[in-house]
Amino acid sequence: MKSDFEILNELARESHFLHELSADESAKMKAALLEMYKDVAALCQKEQLTIMLCGGTCLGAVRHQGFIPWDDDLDIMMPRKDYDRLIALLAQGALGDKYEYSAPNSKTDSANVWLKIYRKNSLDVDIYNATSPFPKGLYLDVFALDAVPKSKLAQKIKGFIANGLQFCAILTLYTTYPSPQLKEFMFMNPTLRKRYRIKKFLGNIVGVIPRRKWVWWFDQFVSDSSDDKPWGIPTGRKYYCGEIFPRSVYMPSIEATFEQTKAFIPNGYDKYLTNLYHNYMQLPPVNKRERHFVYQFQLPND
């Protein structure tokens, strides 16, 4: 069964309001994201915080020594202690006036259940975020590395609860910030239309509790900075239990090259990438390559 993302990616070319980035726009977007990364990495180096490339960005560093050619986003992960410290620094304005951010907190809502750092005076708006109050600029995704229980059973129990909290946060996004663009897009496909209606229905039920609480409860539930347990990425593409390894697979980080820039990746990157992509050095077929479609796009203008 295809996921929403896979179907959306197939339908994107048929949409009249989505824009596929041109080769020139993609190249300029990558350059802007790289500059954002350098700013964040410099701050982390100054504050002695560990920062590593993750997901497709880590794969790009290993396989291409830079961005995956058909991809144009940049993902970072950090140990929980360093992740929380970075959020505190952002709150103090440590990155300066060029940036803003969104992260789970006890008082306000957040764009996602993880940290996003945005470049002001730019636009990278998807149909999920078209009508929300969150920042809409070019962004870096920053994920927390959290310790998990040592017992497999305890991992599954905690993972079930964590994934449920995250699912509720996703459902309430549909009802708290309804997007006409998303609805129109979903209704282009019978499967997506059915799923959209179900999510709206469930979102109205769990939405009796404000979305910001679901986001905050999830973040607090998974937060664990212990060094004597396995580590995982609860907000990763495989959810709570999908990226659990001994701490030694992630730390200490090792140096890599990304677009002629020094970066860091997990110590056991082979295990990490094999888990995510299987035979990760083999290029996927063209029809399986993710493409970047946006509702609105603008490069930084300052």
C-alpha atoms as a PDB file:
ATOM      1  CA  MET A   1       0.000   0.000   0.000  1.00  0.00           C
ATOM      2  CA  LYS A   2       1.414   3.372  -1.014  1.00  0.00           C
ATOM      3  CA  SER A   3       1.898   6.065   1.612  1.00  0.00           C
ATOM      4  CA  ASP A   4       0.333   9.523   1.334  1.00  0.00           C
ATOM      5  CA  PHE A   5       3.740  10.925   0.438  1.00  0.00           C
ATOM      6  CA  GLU A   6       4.273   8.472  -2.422  1.00  0.00           C
ATOM      7  CA  ILE A   7       0.856   9.221  -3.930  1.00  0.00           C
ATOM      8  CA  LEU A   8       1.293  12.964  -3.447  1.00  0.00           C
ATOM      9  CA  ASN A   9       4.645  12.828  -5.189  1.00  0.00           C
ATOM     10  CA  GLU A  10       3.047  11.068  -8.158  1.00  0.00           C
ATOM     11  CA  LEU A  11       0.198  13.600  -8.364  1.00  0.00           C
ATOM     12  CA  ALA A  12       2.284  16.712  -7.877  1.00  0.00           C
ATOM     13  CA  ARG A  13       2.929  17.255 -11.588  1.00  0.00           C
ATOM     14  CA  GLU A  14      -0.827  17.323 -12.238  1.00  0.00           C
ATOM     15  CA  SER A  15      -1.475  20.086  -9.734  1.00  0.00           C
ATOM     16  CA  HIS A  16      -2.044  23.616 -11.010  1.00  0.00           C
ATOM     17  CA  PHE A  17      -0.810  25.320  -7.854  1.00  0.00           C
ATOM     18  CA  LEU A  18       2.338  23.354  -7.009  1.00  0.00           C
ATOM     19  CA  HIS A  19       5.683  24.356  -8.416  1.00  0.00           C
ATOM     20  CA  GLU A  20       8.509  21.938  -9.181  1.00  0.00           C
ATOM     21  CA  LEU A  21      11.849  23.591  -8.636  1.00  0.00           C
ATOM     22  CA  SER A  22      13.913  24.119 -11.749  1.00  0.00           C
ATOM     23  CA  ALA A  23      17.534  22.956 -11.844  1.00  0.00           C
ATOM     24  CA  ASP A  24      18.689  26.545 -11.282  1.00  0.00           C
ATOM     25  CA  GLU A  25      16.294  27.104  -8.374  1.00  0.00           C
ATOM     26  CA  SER A  26      17.315  23.799  -6.807  1.00  0.00           C
ATOM     27  CA  ALA A  27      21.011  24.694  -7.055  1.00  0.00           C
ATOM     28  CA  LYS A  28      20.431  28.098  -5.467  1.00  0.00           C
ATOM     29  CA  MET A  29      18.268  26.545  -2.771  1.00  0.00           C
ATOM     30  CA  LYS A  30      21.030  24.066  -1.923  1.00  0.00           C
ATOM     31  CA  ALA A  31      23.539  26.902  -1.704  1.00  0.00           C
ATOM     32  CA  ALA A  32      21.254  28.792   0.695  1.00  0.00           C
ATOM     33  CA  LEU A  33      20.702  25.689   2.840  1.00  0.00           C
ATOM     34  CA  LEU A  34      24.445  25.063   2.958  1.00  0.00           C
ATOM     35  CA  GLU A  35      25.032  28.611   4.230  1.00  0.00           C
ATOM     36  CA  MET A  36      22.361  28.050   6.885  1.00  0.00           C
ATOM     37  CA  TYR A  37      24.063  24.828   7.906  1.00  0.00           C
ATOM     38  CA  LYS A  38      27.431  26.574   8.185  1.00  0.00           C
ATOM     39  CA  ASP A  39      25.921  29.205  10.490  1.00  0.00           C
ATOM     40  CA  VAL A  40      24.333  26.566  12.724  1.00  0.00           C
ATOM     41  CA  ALA A  41      27.481  24.403  12.700  1.00  0.00           C
ATOM     42  CA  ALA A  42      29.638  27.402  13.647  1.00  0.00           C
ATOM     43  CA  LEU A  43      27.383  28.142  16.613  1.00  0.00           C
ATOM     44  CA  CYS A  44      27.481  24.492  17.680  1.00  0.00           C
ATOM     45  CA  GLN A  45      31.268  24.413  17.403  1.00  0.00           C
ATOM     46  CA  LYS A  46      31.531  27.569  19.500  1.00  0.00           C
ATOM     47  CA  GLU A  47      29.256  26.086  22.168  1.00  0.00           C
ATOM     48  CA  GLN A  48      30.861  22.606  21.921  1.00  0.00           C
ATOM     49  CA  LEU A  49      27.627  20.956  20.800  1.00  0.00           C
ATOM     50  CA  THR A  50      27.612  17.778  18.714  1.00  0.00           C
ATOM     51  CA  ILE A  51      25.854  18.113  15.378  1.00  0.00           C
ATOM     52  CA  MET A  52      25.622  15.373  12.736  1.00  0.00           C
ATOM     53  CA  LEU A  53      24.104  14.986   9.301  1.00  0.00           C
ATOM     54  CA  CYS A  54      21.265  12.467   9.235  1.00  0.00           C
ATOM     55  CA  GLY A  55      18.825  10.770   6.876  1.00  0.00           C
ATOM     56  CA  GLY A  56      19.231  11.648   3.215  1.00  0.00           C
ATOM     57  CA  THR A  57      21.779  14.335   4.038  1.00  0.00           C
ATOM     58  CA  CYS A  58      24.041  11.750   5.676  1.00  0.00           C
ATOM     59  CA  LEU A  59      23.491   9.473   2.671  1.00  0.00           C
ATOM     60  CA  GLY A  60      24.439  12.357   0.383  1.00  0.00           C
ATOM     61  CA  ALA A  61      27.655  12.942   2.302  1.00  0.00           C
ATOM     62  CA  VAL A  62      28.660   9.269   2.044  1.00  0.00           C
ATOM     63  CA  ARG A  63      27.535   8.559  -1.529  1.00  0.00           C
ATOM     64  CA  HIS A  64      27.921  11.968  -3.226  1.00  0.00           C
ATOM     65  CA  GLN A  65      30.060  13.995  -0.798  1.00  0.00           C
ATOM     66  CA  GLY A  66      27.229  16.530  -0.869  1.00  0.00           C
ATOM     67  CA  PHE A  67      23.536  16.815  -1.591  1.00  0.00           C
ATOM     68  CA  ILE A  68      21.821  13.925  -3.326  1.00  0.00           C
ATOM     69  CA  PRO A  69      21.507  15.399  -6.858  1.00  0.00           C
ATOM     70  CA  TRP A  70      17.710  15.213  -7.014  1.00  0.00           C
ATOM     71  CA  ASP A  71      17.193  16.178  -3.369  1.00  0.00           C
ATOM     72  CA  ASP A  72      17.274  19.618  -1.783  1.00  0.00           C
ATOM     73  CA  ASP A  73      16.743  19.526   1.937  1.00  0.00           C
ATOM     74  CA  LEU A  74      19.194  19.305   4.826  1.00  0.00           C
ATOM     75  CA  ASP A  75      18.661  17.252   7.981  1.00  0.00           C
ATOM     76  CA  ILE A  76      20.644  17.353  11.217  1.00  0.00           C
ATOM     77  CA  MET A  77      20.571  15.315  14.424  1.00  0.00           C
ATOM     78  CA  MET A  78      21.954  16.055  17.875  1.00  0.00           C
ATOM     79  CA  PRO A  79      22.138  14.293  21.241  1.00  0.00           C
ATOM     80  CA  ARG A  80      19.228  15.421  23.419  1.00  0.00           C
ATOM     81  CA  LYS A  81      21.361  17.519  25.799  1.00  0.00           C
ATOM     82  CA  ASP A  82      22.895  19.412  22.904  1.00  0.00           C
ATOM     83  CA  TYR A  83      19.548  19.660  21.108  1.00  0.00           C
ATOM     84  CA  ASP A  84      17.913  21.290  24.137  1.00  0.00           C
ATOM     85  CA  ARG A  85      20.901  23.597  24.547  1.00  0.00           C
ATOM     86  CA  LEU A  86      20.645  24.704  20.910  1.00  0.00           C
ATOM     87  CA  ILE A  87      16.951  25.556  21.365  1.00  0.00           C
ATOM     88  CA  ALA A  88      17.864  27.651  24.427  1.00  0.00           C
ATOM     89  CA  LEU A  89      20.527  29.467  22.385  1.00  0.00           C
ATOM     90  CA  LEU A  90      18.046  30.133  19.581  1.00  0.00           C
ATOM     91  CA  ALA A  91      15.635  31.601  22.127  1.00  0.00           C
ATOM     92  CA  GLN A  92      18.417  33.991  23.134  1.00  0.00           C
ATOM     93  CA  GLY A  93      18.945  35.063  19.526  1.00  0.00           C
ATOM     94  CA  ALA A  94      22.348  33.402  19.188  1.00  0.00           C
ATOM     95  CA  LEU A  95      21.966  32.987  15.403  1.00  0.00           C
ATOM     96  CA  GLY A  96      21.142  36.648  14.861  1.00  0.00           C
ATOM     97  CA  ASP A  97      18.386  38.416  12.974  1.00  0.00           C
ATOM     98  CA  LYS A  98      18.535  36.243   9.849  1.00  0.00           C
ATOM     99  CA  TYR A  99      16.860  33.300  11.550  1.00  0.00           C
ATOM    100  CA  GLU A 100      13.742  32.195  13.375  1.00  0.00           C
ATOM    101  CA  TYR A 101      12.735  28.803  14.667  1.00  0.00           C
ATOM    102  CA  SER A 102       9.886  26.546  15.764  1.00  0.00           C
ATOM    103  CA  ALA A 103      10.228  23.851  18.424  1.00  0.00           C
ATOM    104  CA  PRO A 104       7.987  21.979  20.874  1.00  0.00           C
ATOM    105  CA  ASN A 105       7.397  23.951  24.060  1.00  0.00           C
ATOM    106  CA  SER A 106       4.868  24.181  26.858  1.00  0.00           C
ATOM    107  CA  LYS A 107       3.327  27.524  25.875  1.00  0.00           C
ATOM    108  CA  THR A 108       2.944  27.727  22.101  1.00  0.00           C
ATOM    109  CA  ASP A 109       2.306  25.415  19.184  1.00  0.00           C
ATOM    110  CA  SER A 110       5.082  24.152  16.946  1.00  0.00           C
ATOM    111  CA  ALA A 111       5.247  23.385  13.235  1.00  0.00           C
ATOM    112  CA  ASN A 112       6.460  19.852  13.974  1.00  0.00           C
ATOM    113  CA  VAL A 113       7.428  17.613  16.877  1.00  0.00           C
ATOM    114  CA  TRP A 114      11.072  18.511  16.194  1.00  0.00           C
ATOM    115  CA  LEU A 115      13.124  21.694  15.829  1.00  0.00           C
ATOM    116  CA  LYS A 116      13.028  23.620  12.551  1.00  0.00           C
ATOM    117  CA  ILE A 117      15.334  26.560  11.873  1.00  0.00           C
ATOM    118  CA  TYR A 118      14.102  29.008   9.226  1.00  0.00           C
ATOM    119  CA  ARG A 119      15.828  31.614   7.092  1.00  0.00           C
ATOM    120  CA  LYS A 120      13.943  34.891   7.219  1.00  0.00           C
ATOM    121  CA  ASN A 121      13.091  36.746   3.989  1.00  0.00           C
ATOM    122  CA  SER A 122      12.645  33.512   2.039  1.00  0.00           C
ATOM    123  CA  LEU A 123       9.788  31.144   1.254  1.00  0.00           C
ATOM    124  CA  ASP A 124       9.544  27.366   1.102  1.00  0.00           C
ATOM    125  CA  VAL A 125       5.864  26.703   1.709  1.00  0.00           C
ATOM    126  CA  ASP A 126       4.270  23.288   1.291  1.00  0.00           C
ATOM    127  CA  ILE A 127       0.540  22.613   1.145  1.00  0.00           C
ATOM    128  CA  TYR A 128       0.479  21.385   4.758  1.00  0.00           C
ATOM    129  CA  ASN A 129       1.892  24.707   5.973  1.00  0.00           C
ATOM    130  CA  ALA A 130       0.047  27.051   3.604  1.00  0.00           C
ATOM    131  CA  THR A 131      -2.341  28.543   6.174  1.00  0.00           C
ATOM    132  CA  SER A 132      -0.573  27.847   9.470  1.00  0.00           C
ATOM    133  CA  PRO A 133       0.940  30.624  11.643  1.00  0.00           C
ATOM    134  CA  PHE A 134       4.399  29.053  11.625  1.00  0.00           C
ATOM    135  CA  PRO A 135       7.463  30.469   9.807  1.00  0.00           C
ATOM    136  CA  LYS A 136       7.546  29.690   6.116  1.00  0.00           C
ATOM    137  CA  GLY A 137      11.136  30.269   5.037  1.00  0.00           C
ATOM    138  CA  LEU A 138      13.821  27.862   3.864  1.00  0.00           C
ATOM    139  CA  TYR A 139      14.513  25.529   6.754  1.00  0.00           C
ATOM    140  CA  LEU A 140      16.796  22.995   8.366  1.00  0.00           C
ATOM    141  CA  ASP A 141      15.241  20.052  10.214  1.00  0.00           C
ATOM    142  CA  VAL A 142      16.972  19.235  13.504  1.00  0.00           C
ATOM    143  CA  PHE A 143      16.175  15.921  15.227  1.00  0.00           C
ATOM    144  CA  ALA A 144      16.961  14.838  18.777  1.00  0.00           C
ATOM    145  CA  LEU A 145      18.853  11.642  19.533  1.00  0.00           C
ATOM    146  CA  ASP A 146      17.143  10.213  22.620  1.00  0.00           C
ATOM    147  CA  ALA A 147      18.019   7.298  24.857  1.00  0.00           C
ATOM    148  CA  VAL A 148      15.493   4.448  24.826  1.00  0.00           C
ATOM    149  CA  PRO A 149      14.782   1.579  27.244  1.00  0.00           C
ATOM    150  CA  LYS A 150      17.216  -1.344  27.167  1.00  0.00           C
ATOM    151  CA  SER A 151      14.457  -3.952  27.083  1.00  0.00           C
ATOM    152  CA  LYS A 152      12.955  -4.718  23.651  1.00  0.00           C
ATOM    153  CA  LEU A 153       9.533  -5.062  25.252  1.00  0.00           C
ATOM    154  CA  ALA A 154       9.866  -1.720  27.011  1.00  0.00           C
ATOM    155  CA  GLN A 155      10.959  -0.153  23.720  1.00  0.00           C
ATOM    156  CA  LYS A 156       7.845  -1.463  21.992  1.00  0.00           C
ATOM    157  CA  ILE A 157       5.529  -0.263  24.781  1.00  0.00           C
ATOM    158  CA  LYS A 158       7.096   3.191  24.917  1.00  0.00           C
ATOM    159  CA  GLY A 159       7.195   3.321  21.122  1.00  0.00           C
ATOM    160  CA  PHE A 160       3.491   2.510  20.879  1.00  0.00           C
ATOM    161  CA  ILE A 161       2.616   5.375  23.227  1.00  0.00           C
ATOM    162  CA  ALA A 162       5.072   7.788  21.587  1.00  0.00           C
ATOM    163  CA  ASN A 163       3.808   7.041  18.079  1.00  0.00           C
ATOM    164  CA  GLY A 164       0.238   7.505  19.304  1.00  0.00           C
ATOM    165  CA  LEU A 165       1.065  10.936  20.712  1.00  0.00           C
ATOM    166  CA  GLN A 166       2.798  11.907  17.495  1.00  0.00           C
ATOM    167  CA  PHE A 167      -0.128  10.664  15.404  1.00  0.00           C
ATOM    168  CA  CYS A 168      -2.514  12.808  17.463  1.00  0.00           C
ATOM    169  CA  ALA A 169      -0.264  15.820  16.858  1.00  0.00           C
ATOM    170  CA  ILE A 170      -0.422  15.125  13.106  1.00  0.00           C
ATOM    171  CA  LEU A 171      -4.199  14.654  13.129  1.00  0.00           C
ATOM    172  CA  THR A 172      -4.804  17.953  14.898  1.00  0.00           C
ATOM    173  CA  LEU A 173      -2.718  19.741  12.255  1.00  0.00           C
ATOM    174  CA  TYR A 174      -5.522  18.971   9.773  1.00  0.00           C
ATOM    175  CA  THR A 175      -8.191  20.553  11.963  1.00  0.00           C
ATOM    176  CA  THR A 176      -6.294  23.327  13.750  1.00  0.00           C
ATOM    177  CA  TYR A 177      -4.885  24.811  10.538  1.00  0.00           C
ATOM    178  CA  PRO A 178      -7.100  23.540   7.701  1.00  0.00           C
ATOM    179  CA  SER A 179      -5.490  24.049   4.297  1.00  0.00           C
ATOM    180  CA  PRO A 180      -7.763  24.484   1.253  1.00  0.00           C
ATOM    181  CA  GLN A 181      -4.759  23.673  -0.926  1.00  0.00           C
ATOM    182  CA  LEU A 182      -4.171  20.379   0.868  1.00  0.00           C
ATOM    183  CA  LYS A 183      -7.848  19.448   0.642  1.00  0.00           C
ATOM    184  CA  GLU A 184      -7.958  20.179  -3.095  1.00  0.00           C
ATOM    185  CA  PHE A 185      -4.822  18.145  -3.635  1.00  0.00           C
ATOM    186  CA  MET A 186      -6.055  15.196  -1.565  1.00  0.00           C
ATOM    187  CA  PHE A 187      -9.333  15.132  -3.483  1.00  0.00           C
ATOM    188  CA  MET A 188      -7.458  14.486  -6.734  1.00  0.00           C
ATOM    189  CA  ASN A 189      -7.089  10.829  -5.711  1.00  0.00           C
ATOM    190  CA  PRO A 190      -9.806   8.506  -4.283  1.00  0.00           C
ATOM    191  CA  THR A 191      -7.424   6.873  -1.783  1.00  0.00           C
ATOM    192  CA  LEU A 192      -6.119  10.206  -0.538  1.00  0.00           C
ATOM    193  CA  ARG A 193      -9.648  11.618  -0.365  1.00  0.00           C
ATOM    194  CA  LYS A 194     -10.764   8.758   1.880  1.00  0.00           C
ATOM    195  CA  ARG A 195      -7.694   9.088   4.104  1.00  0.00           C
ATOM    196  CA  TYR A 196      -8.140  12.854   4.334  1.00  0.00           C
ATOM    197  CA  ARG A 197     -11.735  12.498   5.516  1.00  0.00           C
ATOM    198  CA  ILE A 198     -10.728   9.912   8.123  1.00  0.00           C
ATOM    199  CA  LYS A 199      -7.919  12.128   9.412  1.00  0.00           C
ATOM    200  CA  LYS A 200     -10.224  15.138   9.612  1.00  0.00           C
ATOM    201  CA  PHE A 201     -12.777  13.076  11.536  1.00  0.00           C
ATOM    202  CA  LEU A 202     -10.202  11.747  13.979  1.00  0.00           C
ATOM    203  CA  GLY A 203      -8.581  15.170  14.205  1.00  0.00           C
ATOM    204  CA  ASN A 204     -11.845  16.681  15.371  1.00  0.00           C
ATOM    205  CA  ILE A 205     -12.056  14.047  18.119  1.00  0.00           C
ATOM    206  CA  VAL A 206      -8.505  14.357  19.505  1.00  0.00           C
ATOM    207  CA  GLY A 207      -8.612  18.092  18.806  1.00  0.00           C
ATOM    208  CA  VAL A 208     -10.651  18.682  21.953  1.00  0.00           C
ATOM    209  CA  ILE A 209      -7.157  18.854  23.432  1.00  0.00           C
ATOM    210  CA  PRO A 210      -5.102  21.708  21.896  1.00  0.00           C
ATOM    211  CA  ARG A 211      -2.506  20.614  19.367  1.00  0.00           C
ATOM    212  CA  ARG A 212       0.340  22.292  21.245  1.00  0.00           C
ATOM    213  CA  LYS A 213      -0.265  19.910  24.141  1.00  0.00           C
ATOM    214  CA  TRP A 214       0.005  16.788  21.968  1.00  0.00           C
ATOM    215  CA  VAL A 215       3.283  18.130  20.524  1.00  0.00           C
ATOM    216  CA  TRP A 216       4.648  18.995  23.967  1.00  0.00           C
ATOM    217  CA  TRP A 217       3.536  15.715  25.553  1.00  0.00           C
ATOM    218  CA  PHE A 218       5.266  13.761  22.800  1.00  0.00           C
ATOM    219  CA  ASP A 219       8.508  15.704  23.157  1.00  0.00           C
ATOM    220  CA  GLN A 220       8.581  15.323  26.930  1.00  0.00           C
ATOM    221  CA  PHE A 221       7.661  11.647  26.776  1.00  0.00           C
ATOM    222  CA  VAL A 222      10.516  10.693  24.432  1.00  0.00           C
ATOM    223  CA  SER A 223      13.117  13.040  25.929  1.00  0.00           C
ATOM    224  CA  ASP A 224      15.949  11.063  27.560  1.00  0.00           C
ATOM    225  CA  SER A 225      19.593  12.149  27.631  1.00  0.00           C
ATOM    226  CA  SER A 226      21.013   9.036  29.321  1.00  0.00           C
ATOM    227  CA  ASP A 227      24.369   7.747  28.065  1.00  0.00           C
ATOM    228  CA  ASP A 228      24.035   4.173  29.347  1.00  0.00           C
ATOM    229  CA  LYS A 229      21.125   3.095  27.119  1.00  0.00           C
ATOM    230  CA  PRO A 230      20.621   2.528  23.390  1.00  0.00           C
ATOM    231  CA  TRP A 231      19.857   5.629  21.350  1.00  0.00           C
ATOM    232  CA  GLY A 232      17.216   6.285  18.730  1.00  0.00           C
ATOM    233  CA  ILE A 233      15.518   9.079  16.781  1.00  0.00           C
ATOM    234  CA  PRO A 234      11.841   9.121  17.886  1.00  0.00           C
ATOM    235  CA  THR A 235      11.002  11.745  15.254  1.00  0.00           C
ATOM    236  CA  GLY A 236      12.835   9.931  12.451  1.00  0.00           C
ATOM    237  CA  ARG A 237      11.325   8.511   9.281  1.00  0.00           C
ATOM    238  CA  LYS A 238      10.892   5.112  10.983  1.00  0.00           C
ATOM    239  CA  TYR A 239       9.322   6.568  14.131  1.00  0.00           C
ATOM    240  CA  TYR A 240      10.230   5.612  17.680  1.00  0.00           C
ATOM    241  CA  CYS A 241      11.587   2.079  17.289  1.00  0.00           C
ATOM    242  CA  GLY A 242      12.949   2.308  13.762  1.00  0.00           C
ATOM    243  CA  GLU A 243      16.417   3.756  14.338  1.00  0.00           C
ATOM    244  CA  ILE A 244      17.517   2.251  17.654  1.00  0.00           C
ATOM    245  CA  PHE A 245      21.180   1.293  17.968  1.00  0.00           C
ATOM    246  CA  PRO A 246      23.832   1.056  20.661  1.00  0.00           C
ATOM    247  CA  ARG A 247      25.076   4.540  21.463  1.00  0.00           C
ATOM    248  CA  SER A 248      28.397   3.625  19.821  1.00  0.00           C
ATOM    249  CA  VAL A 249      26.744   3.566  16.378  1.00  0.00           C
ATOM    250  CA  TYR A 250      26.021   7.286  16.714  1.00  0.00           C
ATOM    251  CA  MET A 251      28.872   8.504  18.904  1.00  0.00           C
ATOM    252  CA  PRO A 252      31.546   9.674  18.702  1.00  0.00           C
ATOM    253  CA  SER A 253      30.755  11.323  15.382  1.00  0.00           C
ATOM    254  CA  ILE A 254      33.297  11.163  12.567  1.00  0.00           C
ATOM    255  CA  GLU A 255      34.313  13.742   9.997  1.00  0.00           C
ATOM    256  CA  ALA A 256      32.944  13.719   6.458  1.00  0.00           C
ATOM    257  CA  THR A 257      32.860  16.047   3.464  1.00  0.00           C
ATOM    258  CA  PHE A 258      29.618  17.688   2.413  1.00  0.00           C
ATOM    259  CA  GLU A 259      29.753  20.106  -0.530  1.00  0.00           C
ATOM    260  CA  GLN A 260      33.446  20.774   0.166  1.00  0.00           C
ATOM    261  CA  THR A 261      32.544  21.622   3.750  1.00  0.00           C
ATOM    262  CA  LYS A 262      33.617  19.739   6.852  1.00  0.00           C
ATOM    263  CA  ALA A 263      30.676  17.984   8.465  1.00  0.00           C
ATOM    264  CA  PHE A 264      30.099  15.092  10.858  1.00  0.00           C
ATOM    265  CA  ILE A 265      28.160  11.853  10.507  1.00  0.00           C
ATOM    266  CA  PRO A 266      27.452   8.892  12.834  1.00  0.00           C
ATOM    267  CA  ASN A 267      30.414   6.743  13.815  1.00  0.00           C
ATOM    268  CA  GLY A 268      28.613   3.617  12.544  1.00  0.00           C
ATOM    269  CA  TYR A 269      27.176   5.258   9.434  1.00  0.00           C
ATOM    270  CA  ASP A 270      27.125   1.948   7.519  1.00  0.00           C
ATOM    271  CA  LYS A 271      24.712   0.340  10.024  1.00  0.00           C
ATOM    272  CA  TYR A 272      22.715   3.544  10.246  1.00  0.00           C
ATOM    273  CA  LEU A 273      22.310   3.979   6.483  1.00  0.00           C
ATOM    274  CA  THR A 274      21.755   0.283   5.786  1.00  0.00           C
ATOM    275  CA  ASN A 275      18.857   0.347   8.240  1.00  0.00           C
ATOM    276  CA  LEU A 276      17.289   3.304   6.442  1.00  0.00           C
ATOM    277  CA  TYR A 277      18.049   2.534   2.809  1.00  0.00           C
ATOM    278  CA  HIS A 278      19.309  -1.083   2.618  1.00  0.00           C
ATOM    279  CA  ASN A 279      21.780  -1.075  -0.305  1.00  0.00           C
ATOM    280  CA  TYR A 280      22.372   2.640   0.128  1.00  0.00           C
ATOM    281  CA  MET A 281      25.256   2.985  -2.353  1.00  0.00           C
ATOM    282  CA  GLN A 282      23.001   1.895  -5.212  1.00  0.00           C
ATOM    283  CA  LEU A 283      21.097   4.705  -6.910  1.00  0.00           C
ATOM    284  CA  PRO A 284      17.301   4.258  -6.780  1.00  0.00           C
ATOM    285  CA  PRO A 285      15.294   4.104 -10.023  1.00  0.00           C
ATOM    286  CA  VAL A 286      14.192   7.463 -11.362  1.00  0.00           C
ATOM    287  CA  ASN A 287      10.543   6.936 -10.404  1.00  0.00           C
ATOM    288  CA  LYS A 288      11.543   6.370  -6.760  1.00  0.00           C
ATOM    289  CA  ARG A 289      13.559   9.564  -6.423  1.00  0.00           C
ATOM    290  CA  GLU A 290      11.946  12.216  -4.250  1.00  0.00           C
ATOM    291  CA  ARG A 291      11.223  15.526  -5.936  1.00  0.00           C
ATOM    292  CA  HIS A 292      10.690  18.908  -4.361  1.00  0.00           C
ATOM    293  CA  PHE A 293       7.322  20.533  -5.040  1.00  0.00           C
ATOM    294  CA  VAL A 294       6.324  23.726  -3.263  1.00  0.00           C
ATOM    295  CA  TYR A 295       3.288  25.950  -2.967  1.00  0.00           C
ATOM    296  CA  GLN A 296       5.406  29.099  -2.704  1.00  0.00           C
ATOM    297  CA  PHE A 297       9.155  29.528  -3.164  1.00  0.00           C
ATOM    298  CA  GLN A 298      11.510  32.456  -2.764  1.00  0.00           C
ATOM    299  CA  LEU A 299      15.241  32.579  -2.159  1.00  0.00           C
ATOM    300  CA  PRO A 300      16.584  34.809   0.627  1.00  0.00           C
ATOM    301  CA  ASN A 301      16.439  38.420  -0.553  1.00  0.00           C
ATOM    302  CA  ASP A 302      18.837  40.039   1.902  1.00  0.00           C
END
